[in-house]
Protein backbone atom coordinates (compact mmCIF):
# COMPACT_ATOMS: atom_id res chain seq x y z
CA MET A 1 6.20 1.81 -21.76
CA GLY A 2 8.03 4.87 -21.01
CA ALA A 3 4.87 6.14 -19.26
CA PHE A 4 4.93 3.09 -17.17
CA THR A 5 8.19 2.85 -16.27
CA ALA A 6 7.62 6.81 -15.44
CA ALA A 7 4.70 6.27 -13.43
CA ALA A 8 7.00 3.79 -11.48
CA VAL A 9 9.65 5.10 -10.54
CA ALA A 10 7.46 8.24 -9.15
CA VAL A 11 5.82 6.23 -7.43
CA GLY A 12 8.63 4.11 -5.62
CA VAL A 13 10.54 7.20 -5.50
CA LEU A 14 7.11 8.53 -3.48
CA LEU A 15 7.29 5.61 -1.12
CA PHE A 16 9.95 7.39 0.93
CA PRO A 17 7.76 9.96 2.67
CA ALA A 18 5.51 8.04 3.82
CA LEU A 19 7.80 5.60 5.12
CA TYR A 20 9.22 8.17 7.06
CA ARG A 21 5.97 9.79 8.76
CA ALA A 22 5.36 5.46 9.37
CA ALA A 23 8.18 5.02 11.06
CA ALA A 24 8.13 8.41 12.75
CA GLY A 25 5.18 8.70 13.88
CA PRO A 26 3.97 10.50 16.49
CA THR A 27 0.83 9.41 17.11
CA THR A 28 -0.47 4.94 15.74
CA ALA A 29 -3.16 7.13 13.73
CA ASP A 30 -0.25 8.77 11.70
CA ARG A 31 1.31 5.31 11.00
CA LEU A 32 -1.49 3.63 9.97
CA VAL A 33 -2.12 6.07 7.25
CA ALA A 34 1.35 6.24 6.37
CA VAL A 35 1.16 2.00 6.30
CA ASN A 36 -2.14 2.11 4.13
CA VAL A 37 -0.86 4.53 1.65
CA ILE A 38 2.37 2.32 1.37
CA SER A 39 0.11 -1.33 0.78
CA THR A 40 -1.77 1.93 -2.17
CA LYS A 41 1.69 2.51 -3.67
CA VAL A 42 2.44 -1.18 -3.63
CA ILE A 43 -0.50 -2.34 -5.32
CA VAL A 44 -0.33 0.02 -8.13
CA LEU A 45 3.28 -0.73 -8.42
CA ILE A 46 2.12 -4.29 -9.16
CA VAL A 47 -0.46 -3.58 -11.96
CA VAL A 48 2.08 -1.10 -13.32
CA PHE A 49 4.46 -3.99 -13.32
CA ALA A 50 1.79 -6.20 -15.19
CA VAL A 51 1.03 -3.61 -17.92
CA LEU A 52 4.75 -3.36 -18.86
CA PHE A 53 5.94 -7.03 -18.23
CA ASP A 54 1.93 -7.64 -19.65
CA HIS A 55 1.04 -10.68 -17.44
CA ASP A 56 -2.40 -10.67 -16.08
CA VAL A 57 -1.88 -12.98 -12.92
CA PHE A 58 0.08 -9.58 -11.61
CA ILE A 59 -3.75 -8.03 -11.45
CA ASP A 60 -5.35 -10.60 -9.85
CA ILE A 61 -2.09 -11.28 -7.10
CA ALA A 62 -2.99 -7.36 -6.88
CA PHE A 63 -6.71 -7.67 -6.29
CA VAL A 64 -5.80 -10.42 -3.53
CA TYR A 65 -3.20 -7.76 -1.91
CA ALA A 66 -5.79 -5.03 -1.51
CA MET A 67 -8.56 -7.52 -0.02
CA ILE A 68 -5.90 -7.99 2.87
CA GLY A 69 -5.02 -4.36 3.13
CA PHE A 70 -8.68 -3.04 3.62
CA ILE A 71 -8.76 -6.54 6.24
CA ALA A 72 -5.78 -5.51 8.18
CA THR A 73 -7.11 -1.80 8.26
CA ILE A 74 -10.19 -2.84 9.19
CA ALA A 75 -8.42 -5.05 12.22
CA ILE A 76 -6.08 -2.37 13.52
CA THR A 77 -8.15 0.12 13.52
CA ARG A 78 -10.75 -1.59 16.05
CA PHE A 79 -8.01 -2.95 18.06
CA ILE A 80 -7.11 0.39 18.13
CA GLU A 81 -10.59 1.59 19.06
CA ARG A 82 -11.22 -0.86 22.09
CA GLY A 83 -7.90 -3.07 22.68
CA ARG A 84 -8.83 -5.97 21.56
CA LEU A 85 -10.80 -7.55 18.17
CA ASP A 86 -13.40 -9.29 18.64
């Protein structure tokens, strides 16, 4: 259990550089990649908490969050590229 706690703390600390890059930019692509990194780290945290607290439901939540993040990334990329979502 100590290794999972250490992993959760390490991933939590590593969120801050990505948060800085998402806020500072300088380009939209940098912000999009930073938001993807944050999303991935949150998914990892959810899975680590699922293992720590022995709740299988958190795995399902992480899976749904990953799918939503992927669809949002595709939509944002399409909007940046074309200027519209259709």
